[in-house]
Amino acid sequence: MQTVILAAGSGVRMRPLTDDRPKALLPMGKRPLIEHVLATAVDAGADRIVLVVPPDGSIESAIGGSFRNVTLDYVVQPTPQGTGDAVWRALGVLQPEPFVVLPGDLLLNRSDVDALYEETPSVVVGSSHHARLAPNSPARGEDSESPVLGAFTFPGCTIDRLGAMDETGTNGWELADQLTELMGVQPRIVGVNEWIDVDHPWELLEATERQLESLAPSRAGDIHPDAELLGCVHVEAGATIRSGVAIDGPVLIRSGATIGPNAYVRGATVIGTDAKVGHAVEVKNSILCAGAAVNHQSYVGDSILGPRVNFGAGTNVANLRHDKEPIKTTVQGASMGTGRRKYGVVVGPDARTGIDTSLNVGVVLPTEATTLPGSVVFSTPTEDKRPVSDARSEVMVKGK
């Protein structure tokens, strides 16, 4: 069945990780996020896929013209203006046949996606529970805890209805909110039993943890005989594991990465391409993106380090509140709960810390930010291009 995947979002709630790439290309295990969605769609029966993408061309360059022998068509959404606008833009390349719509940041089980690909004469909506859509609020069931997840199947006859909506008529609205009115039918609800909406950095951590559960062990890299690898550890060709290293899986070490000497890597962790974990460094349940470096005597826990981040010697991350309450962080300038008891920091591309920097739970360091030696950073600095400081810390935020 033909499938539309919505991947044009800028990922503002993922910033600063999305400062240098769209959310669809954030790393999740061995592949970018969008490839996991593509794989699920193809396995469920997608035989032609239309990707709605941002205008920078990065997704087209990264993914190419096909995926597992399924043709990919690309449609640009110049500015994210809701799922209604995104689907409207894809109509020009669809055949007058049923089609599935999947969000590019929603990870679903194969069994749940299969239900969307069943032949049906009506609109099918994926919901977190088997809930009946309320007459005046099609995006929500009678139980407010049963949201529509943005995954749909439309019969071919609805293409004309959608196509009749001109561009100005679709700006800024969500498809789920207008289903009954737009389609003239009562949608059929299918229950989704398990999903991860990868909309925030802690959800990227959760999704990566899930992916690493099925990681296959490998010892393809250069591994020193003194290194100890326990559990499921996947070392790609071109990676180097030096003497005195202990790795307790599930852990993925990408090509070009260097671990050690005398380092400890544990939990659901990904060490990205050309990343470095040096002497006496411990990394736990974290993602180090390509080119990130934690070279000397540091601790990184439950954190995401963006591309080319460099932690100075003695940089340590706090990942647990003393009162054991869930950790809050900053999203779009506002405090937000993560729901996680353990959560460290998110560091944007090319940020650097001075030696002996301490980073408190939930801190977000912007792209290209730097800290002075000995800094103790308690909260996320503002992104107003000015230094942010208190009695014991200073973070310099570099403007674009």
Protein backbone atom coordinates (compact mmCIF):
# COMPACT_ATOMS: atom_id res chain seq x y z
CA MET A 1 0.00 0.00 0.00
CA GLN A 2 1.19 3.53 -0.70
CA THR A 3 2.36 5.36 2.40
CA VAL A 4 2.98 8.98 3.35
CA ILE A 5 5.57 9.59 6.07
CA LEU A 6 5.59 13.04 7.65
CA ALA A 7 9.20 14.08 8.28
CA ALA A 8 9.29 17.84 7.70
CA GLY A 9 9.19 18.91 11.34
CA SER A 10 12.07 21.06 12.54
CA GLY A 11 12.25 19.33 15.92
CA VAL A 12 12.15 22.45 18.09
CA ARG A 13 11.56 20.38 21.24
CA MET A 14 14.73 18.43 20.43
CA ARG A 15 16.97 21.48 20.29
CA PRO A 16 19.89 21.90 20.41
CA LEU A 17 20.31 18.40 18.93
CA THR A 18 18.41 19.52 15.83
CA ASP A 19 20.40 22.70 15.28
CA ASP A 20 22.49 20.99 12.60
CA ARG A 21 20.02 18.43 11.20
CA PRO A 22 16.27 17.68 11.00
CA LYS A 23 14.81 15.50 13.71
CA ALA A 24 14.32 12.66 11.23
CA LEU A 25 18.10 12.25 10.97
CA LEU A 26 18.87 12.07 14.68
CA PRO A 27 20.82 8.88 15.42
CA MET A 28 19.03 5.97 17.06
CA GLY A 29 21.32 2.99 17.32
CA LYS A 30 22.85 2.13 13.96
CA ARG A 31 20.39 4.14 11.88
CA PRO A 32 18.75 7.56 11.87
CA LEU A 33 15.25 7.81 13.30
CA ILE A 34 13.52 8.00 9.91
CA GLU A 35 15.00 4.67 8.79
CA HIS A 36 13.33 2.89 11.70
CA VAL A 37 9.96 4.29 10.57
CA LEU A 38 10.70 3.32 6.97
CA ALA A 39 11.61 -0.21 8.01
CA THR A 40 8.37 -0.64 9.95
CA ALA A 41 6.32 0.62 7.00
CA VAL A 42 8.04 -1.66 4.47
CA ASP A 43 7.73 -4.70 6.73
CA ALA A 44 4.00 -4.00 7.16
CA GLY A 45 3.33 -3.78 3.42
CA ALA A 46 4.28 -0.35 2.08
CA ASP A 47 5.13 -0.75 -1.61
CA ARG A 48 5.56 2.95 -2.39
CA ILE A 49 6.50 5.72 0.05
CA VAL A 50 6.12 9.49 -0.13
CA LEU A 51 8.29 11.36 2.35
CA VAL A 52 7.24 14.91 3.27
CA VAL A 53 10.51 16.63 4.12
CA PRO A 54 12.02 20.06 4.91
CA PRO A 55 13.56 22.08 2.06
CA ASP A 56 17.23 21.67 2.98
CA GLY A 57 17.68 18.39 1.04
CA SER A 58 19.41 16.62 3.91
CA ILE A 59 16.96 13.72 4.18
CA GLU A 60 17.03 13.07 0.43
CA SER A 61 20.84 13.01 0.53
CA ALA A 62 20.97 10.69 3.54
CA ILE A 63 18.29 8.18 2.48
CA GLY A 64 18.36 8.22 -1.34
CA GLY A 65 15.73 7.22 -3.89
CA SER A 66 14.72 3.87 -2.44
CA PHE A 67 14.65 1.90 0.78
CA ARG A 68 14.77 -1.90 0.72
CA ASN A 69 13.81 -1.80 -2.95
CA VAL A 70 10.74 0.36 -2.26
CA THR A 71 10.64 3.59 -4.29
CA LEU A 72 10.78 6.83 -2.30
CA ASP A 73 9.23 10.06 -3.55
CA TYR A 74 10.01 13.33 -1.81
CA VAL A 75 7.65 16.26 -1.33
CA VAL A 76 8.86 19.46 0.31
CA GLN A 77 6.90 21.23 3.02
CA PRO A 78 8.60 24.66 3.07
CA THR A 79 7.39 25.54 6.57
CA PRO A 80 5.89 23.09 9.09
CA GLN A 81 2.23 24.11 9.27
CA GLY A 82 0.46 21.06 10.60
CA THR A 83 -0.19 17.53 9.41
CA GLY A 84 -3.12 18.64 7.26
CA ASP A 85 -0.84 20.83 5.18
CA ALA A 86 1.79 18.08 5.01
CA VAL A 87 -0.62 15.44 3.70
CA TRP A 88 -2.20 17.94 1.29
CA ARG A 89 1.22 18.51 -0.29
CA ALA A 90 1.73 14.76 -0.79
CA LEU A 91 -1.52 14.25 -2.71
CA GLY A 92 -0.04 15.24 -6.06
CA VAL A 93 2.11 12.12 -6.24
CA LEU A 94 -0.43 9.63 -4.82
CA GLN A 95 -2.52 7.25 -6.88
CA PRO A 96 -6.33 7.21 -6.28
CA GLU A 97 -5.93 4.23 -3.98
CA PRO A 98 -5.85 3.70 -0.20
CA PHE A 99 -2.86 5.16 1.61
CA VAL A 100 -1.38 5.10 5.09
CA VAL A 101 -0.07 8.19 6.90
CA LEU A 102 2.69 7.70 9.48
CA PRO A 103 4.50 10.32 11.56
CA GLY A 104 8.26 10.29 11.02
CA ASP A 105 8.93 10.39 14.76
CA LEU A 106 6.48 7.75 16.01
CA LEU A 107 7.85 4.28 16.68
CA LEU A 108 5.17 1.60 16.59
CA ASN A 109 5.24 -2.17 16.92
CA ARG A 110 4.89 -4.15 13.70
CA SER A 111 1.66 -5.76 14.94
CA ASP A 112 0.09 -2.35 15.57
CA VAL A 113 1.14 -1.02 12.16
CA ASP A 114 -0.24 -4.13 10.43
CA ALA A 115 -3.77 -3.07 11.40
CA LEU A 116 -3.36 0.18 9.46
CA TYR A 117 -2.47 -1.75 6.30
CA GLU A 118 -5.60 -3.90 6.25
CA GLU A 119 -7.96 -3.21 3.35
CA THR A 120 -10.79 -1.02 4.59
CA PRO A 121 -13.48 1.19 3.03
CA SER A 122 -13.33 3.70 5.89
CA VAL A 123 -10.82 5.97 7.56
CA VAL A 124 -8.76 4.09 10.15
CA VAL A 125 -7.18 5.92 13.09
CA GLY A 126 -4.44 4.65 15.37
CA SER A 127 -5.23 5.43 19.02
CA SER A 128 -3.56 4.52 22.28
CA HIS A 129 -6.73 2.65 23.29
CA HIS A 130 -9.85 1.31 21.57
CA ALA A 131 -11.80 4.52 22.13
CA ARG A 132 -14.76 5.96 20.23
CA LEU A 133 -14.07 9.42 18.82
CA ALA A 134 -16.17 12.09 20.51
CA PRO A 135 -18.52 13.85 18.04
CA ASN A 136 -17.17 17.36 18.62
CA SER A 137 -13.53 16.45 19.07
CA PRO A 138 -12.38 13.85 16.53
CA ALA A 139 -8.79 13.95 17.76
CA ARG A 140 -9.73 12.66 21.17
CA GLY A 141 -11.73 9.77 22.53
CA GLU A 142 -14.27 10.00 25.33
CA ASP A 143 -11.44 9.14 27.65
CA SER A 144 -8.94 11.99 27.54
CA GLU A 145 -6.15 9.50 28.15
CA SER A 146 -6.77 7.90 24.72
CA PRO A 147 -5.13 10.22 22.20
CA VAL A 148 -4.96 9.80 18.46
CA LEU A 149 -1.32 9.11 17.60
CA GLY A 150 -1.23 10.62 14.11
CA ALA A 151 -1.21 7.31 12.22
CA PHE A 152 -4.05 6.88 9.71
CA THR A 153 -5.32 4.88 6.75
CA PHE A 154 -7.43 6.68 4.14
CA PRO A 155 -9.44 5.02 1.34
CA GLY A 156 -8.71 6.22 -2.16
CA CYS A 157 -11.99 8.14 -2.39
CA THR A 158 -10.82 10.60 0.26
CA ILE A 159 -7.99 11.90 -1.95
CA ASP A 160 -10.41 14.13 -3.82
CA ARG A 161 -11.77 15.50 -0.55
CA LEU A 162 -8.29 16.31 0.68
CA GLY A 163 -7.26 17.66 -2.70
CA ALA A 164 -10.13 20.13 -2.66
CA MET A 165 -8.49 21.86 0.26
CA ASP A 166 -6.32 24.66 -1.12
CA GLU A 167 -3.04 25.64 0.51
CA THR A 168 -4.47 28.53 2.49
CA GLY A 169 -7.24 26.32 3.78
CA THR A 170 -4.85 23.79 5.26
CA ASN A 171 -2.29 26.05 6.92
CA GLY A 172 -1.71 25.37 10.57
CA TRP A 173 -4.20 22.60 11.31
CA GLU A 174 -3.81 19.05 12.45
CA LEU A 175 -5.36 16.29 10.37
CA ALA A 176 -6.69 14.42 13.41
CA ASP A 177 -8.78 17.40 14.53
CA GLN A 178 -10.90 17.47 11.36
CA LEU A 179 -11.31 13.83 10.40
CA THR A 180 -15.07 13.44 10.77
CA GLU A 181 -15.89 16.83 9.27
CA LEU A 182 -13.38 16.51 6.44
CA MET A 183 -14.10 12.93 5.45
CA GLY A 184 -17.83 12.81 6.09
CA VAL A 185 -17.47 9.45 7.81
CA GLN A 186 -17.01 8.22 11.37
CA PRO A 187 -13.43 6.91 11.54
CA ARG A 188 -12.74 3.40 12.77
CA ILE A 189 -10.35 3.23 15.73
CA VAL A 190 -7.59 0.64 16.04
CA GLY A 191 -5.79 0.32 19.33
CA VAL A 192 -2.05 0.89 19.49
CA ASN A 193 -0.55 -1.15 22.31
CA GLU A 194 2.96 0.23 22.43
CA TRP A 195 4.61 3.31 20.98
CA ILE A 196 7.32 5.88 21.56
CA ASP A 197 6.69 9.42 20.33
CA VAL A 198 10.27 10.66 19.85
CA ASP A 199 9.54 14.32 20.48
CA HIS A 200 11.98 15.16 23.30
CA PRO A 201 15.59 14.18 24.06
CA TRP A 202 14.66 11.79 26.87
CA GLU A 203 12.38 9.95 24.44
CA LEU A 204 15.35 9.56 22.08
CA LEU A 205 17.17 7.93 24.99
CA GLU A 206 14.21 5.63 25.62
CA ALA A 207 13.90 4.71 21.94
CA THR A 208 17.63 3.93 21.79
CA GLU A 209 17.36 1.76 24.88
CA ARG A 210 14.59 -0.22 23.19
CA GLN A 211 16.58 -0.60 19.97
CA LEU A 212 19.63 -1.89 21.79
CA GLU A 213 17.58 -4.68 23.35
CA SER A 214 17.78 -6.47 19.99
CA LEU A 215 21.43 -5.62 19.31
CA ALA A 216 23.50 -8.49 17.96
CA PRO A 217 26.98 -8.95 19.47
CA SER A 218 30.00 -8.31 17.24
CA ARG A 219 33.74 -8.13 17.71
CA ALA A 220 34.73 -6.70 14.33
CA GLY A 221 36.90 -3.88 15.66
CA ASP A 222 40.45 -3.82 17.08
CA ILE A 223 40.00 -5.06 20.67
CA HIS A 224 42.93 -5.24 23.10
CA PRO A 225 43.24 -8.67 24.77
CA ASP A 226 43.11 -7.01 28.20
CA ALA A 227 39.71 -5.45 27.51
CA GLU A 228 36.66 -7.09 29.12
CA LEU A 229 33.42 -7.14 27.14
CA LEU A 230 30.35 -8.50 28.93
CA GLY A 231 26.81 -8.96 27.68
CA CYS A 232 25.75 -7.79 24.25
CA VAL A 233 28.52 -5.54 22.92
CA HIS A 234 28.64 -4.69 19.21
CA VAL A 235 32.01 -3.32 18.07
CA GLU A 236 32.01 -2.24 14.43
CA ALA A 237 34.97 -2.65 12.11
CA GLY A 238 37.28 0.34 12.44
CA ALA A 239 36.57 0.88 16.15
CA THR A 240 39.39 0.55 18.70
CA ILE A 241 39.08 -0.83 22.26
CA ARG A 242 42.28 -0.24 24.23
CA SER A 243 43.75 -1.93 27.30
CA GLY A 244 41.99 -1.87 30.65
CA VAL A 245 38.57 -1.16 29.15
CA ALA A 246 35.43 -2.72 30.62
CA ILE A 247 32.20 -2.69 28.61
CA ASP A 248 28.94 -4.06 29.98
CA GLY A 249 26.28 -4.19 27.26
CA PRO A 250 24.05 -3.52 25.56
CA VAL A 251 26.58 -1.16 24.00
CA LEU A 252 27.12 -0.17 20.37
CA ILE A 253 30.59 1.10 19.37
CA ARG A 254 30.51 2.65 15.90
CA SER A 255 33.29 2.62 13.30
CA GLY A 256 36.20 4.97 14.03
CA ALA A 257 35.36 5.26 17.73
CA THR A 258 38.13 4.85 20.33
CA ILE A 259 37.54 3.57 23.87
CA GLY A 260 40.18 3.74 26.60
CA PRO A 261 42.58 3.02 27.99
CA ASN A 262 41.02 2.18 31.35
CA ALA A 263 37.49 3.33 30.51
CA TYR A 264 34.15 1.91 31.62
CA VAL A 265 31.10 1.90 29.31
CA ARG A 266 27.82 0.40 30.48
CA GLY A 267 24.07 0.40 30.11
CA ALA A 268 22.25 1.09 26.88
CA THR A 269 24.95 3.22 25.31
CA VAL A 270 25.92 4.24 21.78
CA ILE A 271 29.41 5.57 21.09
CA GLY A 272 29.09 7.22 17.70
CA THR A 273 31.33 7.26 14.64
CA ASP A 274 34.78 8.71 15.43
CA ALA A 275 33.76 9.47 19.03
CA LYS A 276 36.32 9.12 21.84
CA VAL A 277 36.02 7.84 25.41
CA GLY A 278 39.39 8.23 27.08
CA HIS A 279 41.37 7.35 30.20
CA ALA A 280 39.38 6.81 33.39
CA VAL A 281 36.10 7.90 31.79
CA GLU A 282 32.78 6.25 32.67
CA VAL A 283 29.85 6.47 30.26
CA LYS A 284 26.51 5.02 31.31
CA ASN A 285 23.22 4.77 29.38
CA SER A 286 24.10 7.62 27.02
CA ILE A 287 24.44 8.62 23.38
CA LEU A 288 27.68 10.14 22.13
CA CYS A 289 27.08 11.41 18.62
CA ALA A 290 29.67 11.39 15.85
CA GLY A 291 32.97 13.02 16.79
CA ALA A 292 32.07 13.66 20.45
CA ALA A 293 35.03 13.36 22.84
CA VAL A 294 35.20 12.68 26.58
CA ASN A 295 38.92 12.19 26.94
CA HIS A 296 39.98 12.26 30.59
CA GLN A 297 38.62 11.35 34.03
CA SER A 298 34.95 12.22 33.49
CA TYR A 299 31.51 10.75 34.15
CA VAL A 300 28.61 10.92 31.68
CA GLY A 301 25.31 9.32 32.66
CA ASP A 302 21.88 9.22 30.98
CA SER A 303 22.90 12.00 28.62
CA ILE A 304 23.11 12.93 24.94
CA LEU A 305 26.24 14.62 23.60
CA GLY A 306 25.81 16.12 20.15
CA PRO A 307 28.30 15.92 17.29
CA ARG A 308 31.83 17.16 18.01
CA VAL A 309 31.14 17.98 21.65
CA ASN A 310 34.33 18.07 23.73
CA PHE A 311 34.32 17.53 27.50
CA GLY A 312 37.40 18.88 29.27
CA ALA A 313 39.20 16.70 31.81
CA GLY A 314 37.22 16.17 34.99
CA THR A 315 33.83 17.13 33.53
CA ASN A 316 31.14 15.33 35.50
CA VAL A 317 27.42 14.97 34.91
CA ALA A 318 24.85 14.62 37.69
CA ASN A 319 21.98 12.32 36.73
CA LEU A 320 20.03 11.74 39.96
CA ARG A 321 18.19 14.10 42.30
CA HIS A 322 18.90 13.63 46.00
CA ASP A 323 15.16 13.56 46.74
CA LYS A 324 14.72 10.88 44.03
CA GLU A 325 11.98 12.89 42.31
CA PRO A 326 11.62 12.81 38.49
CA ILE A 327 14.02 15.20 36.82
CA LYS A 328 12.93 18.37 35.04
CA THR A 329 14.71 20.01 32.15
CA THR A 330 14.27 23.01 29.85
CA VAL A 331 12.28 22.70 26.61
CA GLN A 332 11.70 25.80 24.48
CA GLY A 333 12.66 28.01 27.39
CA ALA A 334 10.24 26.43 29.88
CA SER A 335 10.72 23.85 32.63
CA MET A 336 9.31 20.43 31.76
CA GLY A 337 9.24 17.09 33.55
CA THR A 338 11.02 14.19 31.90
CA GLY A 339 9.32 11.43 33.89
CA ARG A 340 12.75 9.89 34.42
CA ARG A 341 14.34 9.26 37.79
CA LYS A 342 17.78 9.30 36.15
CA TYR A 343 18.52 11.90 33.50
CA GLY A 344 21.69 13.85 32.87
CA VAL A 345 22.32 16.55 30.29
CA VAL A 346 21.82 17.36 26.63
CA VAL A 347 24.71 19.10 24.89
CA GLY A 348 24.42 20.76 21.52
CA PRO A 349 26.80 20.32 18.58
CA ASP A 350 30.33 21.74 19.00
CA ALA A 351 29.86 22.70 22.66
CA ARG A 352 32.95 22.49 24.89
CA THR A 353 33.45 22.34 28.64
CA GLY A 354 36.46 23.59 30.59
CA ILE A 355 38.29 21.26 32.94
CA ASP A 356 36.54 20.31 36.19
CA THR A 357 33.12 21.43 34.97
CA SER A 358 30.12 20.05 36.85
CA LEU A 359 26.76 19.84 35.06
CA ASN A 360 23.60 19.47 37.12
CA VAL A 361 20.67 17.18 36.25
CA GLY A 362 18.56 18.38 33.34
CA VAL A 363 21.00 21.02 32.09
CA VAL A 364 20.91 21.78 28.36
CA LEU A 365 24.06 23.33 26.87
CA PRO A 366 23.34 25.14 23.59
CA THR A 367 25.23 24.61 20.36
CA GLU A 368 28.80 25.98 20.53
CA ALA A 369 28.42 26.88 24.21
CA THR A 370 31.56 26.82 26.36
CA THR A 371 32.15 26.69 30.11
CA LEU A 372 35.04 28.14 32.07
CA PRO A 373 37.32 25.80 34.03
CA GLY A 374 35.81 24.86 37.37
CA SER A 375 32.27 25.85 36.37
CA VAL A 376 29.30 24.45 38.25
CA VAL A 377 26.29 24.75 35.95
CA PHE A 378 23.01 24.44 37.84
CA SER A 379 20.51 25.36 35.14
CA THR A 380 20.17 25.79 31.40
CA PRO A 381 21.67 29.07 30.17
CA THR A 382 19.54 31.39 28.12
CA GLU A 383 20.16 31.63 24.39
CA ASP A 384 20.34 35.41 24.14
CA LYS A 385 24.01 35.57 23.02
CA ARG A 386 25.12 36.92 26.44
CA PRO A 387 27.22 35.20 29.11
CA VAL A 388 25.13 33.66 31.87
CA SER A 389 26.78 33.44 35.25
CA ASP A 390 26.32 33.11 38.97
CA ALA A 391 28.83 33.02 41.81
CA ARG A 392 30.35 29.74 40.74
CA SER A 393 29.68 29.22 37.07
CA GLU A 394 29.85 30.85 33.70
CA VAL A 395 28.56 29.61 30.37
CA MET A 396 29.29 31.46 27.17
CA VAL A 397 26.55 31.09 24.55
CA LYS A 398 27.76 31.80 21.06
CA GLY A 399 25.28 33.39 18.66
CA LYS A 400 24.62 31.99 15.23
